[in-house]
Amino acid sequence: MFVSNKGKDLTFDNILPFIKQEYNRRHMDGVAAYATRISGVQRYTGQSPNWNGQKKFRPRNPNPNSACTTPTKSTEI
């Protein structure tokens, strides 16, 4: 944090605006990182993040060629 002391005493009242400015800047960096994490989770999993860890993130259909998928009924004439 850079505080300019041109013609001012470095008292708490003079430094307070700089402290607030620095706090807000760092806080917004954290908010941006949080938002980026959420959007990344939604992009790759199609779900919102579950911070409790009760469910693991699973793709909707991890292996489309697996035998456990139900085959579509073919209409034969």
C-alpha atoms as a PDB file:
ATOM      1  CA  MET A   1       0.000   0.000   0.000  1.00  0.00           C
ATOM      2  CA  PHE A   2       1.426   3.349  -1.013  1.00  0.00           C
ATOM      3  CA  VAL A   3       0.606   6.363   1.133  1.00  0.00           C
ATOM      4  CA  SER A   4       1.636   9.790  -0.067  1.00  0.00           C
ATOM      5  CA  ASN A   5       2.606  12.060   2.818  1.00  0.00           C
ATOM      6  CA  LYS A   6       2.893  15.343   0.924  1.00  0.00           C
ATOM      7  CA  GLY A   7       2.213  18.043   3.495  1.00  0.00           C
ATOM      8  CA  LYS A   8       0.312  15.710   5.820  1.00  0.00           C
ATOM      9  CA  ASP A   9       1.071  14.098   9.109  1.00  0.00           C
ATOM     10  CA  LEU A  10       0.713  10.352   8.979  1.00  0.00           C
ATOM     11  CA  THR A  11      -2.102  10.191  11.489  1.00  0.00           C
ATOM     12  CA  PHE A  12      -4.779   7.546  11.496  1.00  0.00           C
ATOM     13  CA  ASP A  13      -7.370   9.954  10.078  1.00  0.00           C
ATOM     14  CA  ASN A  14      -5.106  10.826   7.154  1.00  0.00           C
ATOM     15  CA  ILE A  15      -4.237   7.202   6.390  1.00  0.00           C
ATOM     16  CA  LEU A  16      -7.765   5.826   6.806  1.00  0.00           C
ATOM     17  CA  PRO A  17      -8.962   6.637   3.247  1.00  0.00           C
ATOM     18  CA  PHE A  18      -5.971   4.780   1.808  1.00  0.00           C
ATOM     19  CA  ILE A  19      -6.649   1.793   4.053  1.00  0.00           C
ATOM     20  CA  LYS A  20     -10.281   1.697   2.926  1.00  0.00           C
ATOM     21  CA  GLN A  21      -9.288   1.965  -0.711  1.00  0.00           C
ATOM     22  CA  GLU A  22      -6.795  -0.878  -0.410  1.00  0.00           C
ATOM     23  CA  TYR A  23      -9.272  -3.054   1.496  1.00  0.00           C
ATOM     24  CA  ASN A  24     -11.968  -2.517  -1.128  1.00  0.00           C
ATOM     25  CA  ARG A  25      -9.540  -3.352  -3.930  1.00  0.00           C
ATOM     26  CA  ARG A  26      -8.429  -6.585  -2.290  1.00  0.00           C
ATOM     27  CA  HIS A  27     -11.989  -7.496  -1.333  1.00  0.00           C
ATOM     28  CA  MET A  28     -13.147  -7.062  -4.931  1.00  0.00           C
ATOM     29  CA  ASP A  29     -10.273  -9.265  -6.097  1.00  0.00           C
ATOM     30  CA  GLY A  30     -11.623 -11.966  -3.796  1.00  0.00           C
ATOM     31  CA  VAL A  31     -15.164 -11.497  -5.079  1.00  0.00           C
ATOM     32  CA  ALA A  32     -13.956 -11.769  -8.665  1.00  0.00           C
ATOM     33  CA  ALA A  33     -12.045 -14.969  -7.856  1.00  0.00           C
ATOM     34  CA  TYR A  34     -15.129 -16.423  -6.153  1.00  0.00           C
ATOM     35  CA  ALA A  35     -17.341 -15.560  -9.130  1.00  0.00           C
ATOM     36  CA  THR A  36     -14.792 -17.060 -11.506  1.00  0.00           C
ATOM     37  CA  ARG A  37     -14.765 -20.291  -9.512  1.00  0.00           C
ATOM     38  CA  ILE A  38     -18.540 -20.576  -9.575  1.00  0.00           C
ATOM     39  CA  SER A  39     -18.786 -19.871 -13.297  1.00  0.00           C
ATOM     40  CA  GLY A  40     -16.049 -22.428 -13.957  1.00  0.00           C
ATOM     41  CA  VAL A  41     -17.884 -25.089 -11.965  1.00  0.00           C
ATOM     42  CA  GLN A  42     -21.107 -24.382 -13.828  1.00  0.00           C
ATOM     43  CA  ARG A  43     -19.372 -24.392 -17.201  1.00  0.00           C
ATOM     44  CA  TYR A  44     -17.714 -27.790 -16.751  1.00  0.00           C
ATOM     45  CA  THR A  45     -20.386 -29.644 -14.792  1.00  0.00           C
ATOM     46  CA  GLY A  46     -23.676 -27.977 -15.694  1.00  0.00           C
ATOM     47  CA  GLN A  47     -24.381 -27.613 -11.977  1.00  0.00           C
ATOM     48  CA  SER A  48     -24.013 -24.975  -9.355  1.00  0.00           C
ATOM     49  CA  PRO A  49     -21.281 -25.708  -6.804  1.00  0.00           C
ATOM     50  CA  ASN A  50     -22.193 -27.675  -3.707  1.00  0.00           C
ATOM     51  CA  TRP A  51     -19.845 -26.448  -0.980  1.00  0.00           C
ATOM     52  CA  ASN A  52     -21.054 -29.090   1.507  1.00  0.00           C
ATOM     53  CA  GLY A  53     -19.429 -31.917  -0.391  1.00  0.00           C
ATOM     54  CA  GLN A  54     -22.492 -34.132  -0.062  1.00  0.00           C
ATOM     55  CA  LYS A  55     -22.524 -34.945  -3.753  1.00  0.00           C
ATOM     56  CA  LYS A  56     -19.593 -35.229  -6.075  1.00  0.00           C
ATOM     57  CA  PHE A  57     -19.679 -33.435  -9.369  1.00  0.00           C
ATOM     58  CA  ARG A  58     -20.529 -35.914 -12.078  1.00  0.00           C
ATOM     59  CA  PRO A  59     -20.989 -35.188 -15.750  1.00  0.00           C
ATOM     60  CA  ARG A  60     -24.447 -36.022 -17.064  1.00  0.00           C
ATOM     61  CA  ASN A  61     -23.245 -38.856 -19.286  1.00  0.00           C
ATOM     62  CA  PRO A  62     -19.574 -39.606 -18.655  1.00  0.00           C
ATOM     63  CA  ASN A  63     -19.319 -42.507 -21.100  1.00  0.00           C
ATOM     64  CA  PRO A  64     -21.905 -42.530 -23.883  1.00  0.00           C
ATOM     65  CA  ASN A  65     -20.746 -45.966 -25.078  1.00  0.00           C
ATOM     66  CA  SER A  66     -21.173 -47.692 -21.721  1.00  0.00           C
ATOM     67  CA  ALA A  67     -23.636 -50.577 -21.361  1.00  0.00           C
ATOM     68  CA  CYS A  68     -25.530 -48.953 -18.506  1.00  0.00           C
ATOM     69  CA  THR A  69     -27.194 -46.391 -20.751  1.00  0.00           C
ATOM     70  CA  THR A  70     -30.651 -47.380 -21.876  1.00  0.00           C
ATOM     71  CA  PRO A  71     -30.753 -47.907 -25.624  1.00  0.00           C
ATOM     72  CA  THR A  72     -33.331 -46.023 -27.608  1.00  0.00           C
ATOM     73  CA  LYS A  73     -36.153 -48.116 -29.002  1.00  0.00           C
ATOM     74  CA  SER A  74     -35.858 -48.569 -32.712  1.00  0.00           C
ATOM     75  CA  THR A  75     -39.094 -48.670 -34.639  1.00  0.00           C
ATOM     76  CA  GLU A  76     -38.943 -51.675 -36.926  1.00  0.00           C
ATOM     77  CA  ILE A  77     -41.565 -52.254 -39.580  1.00  0.00           C
END
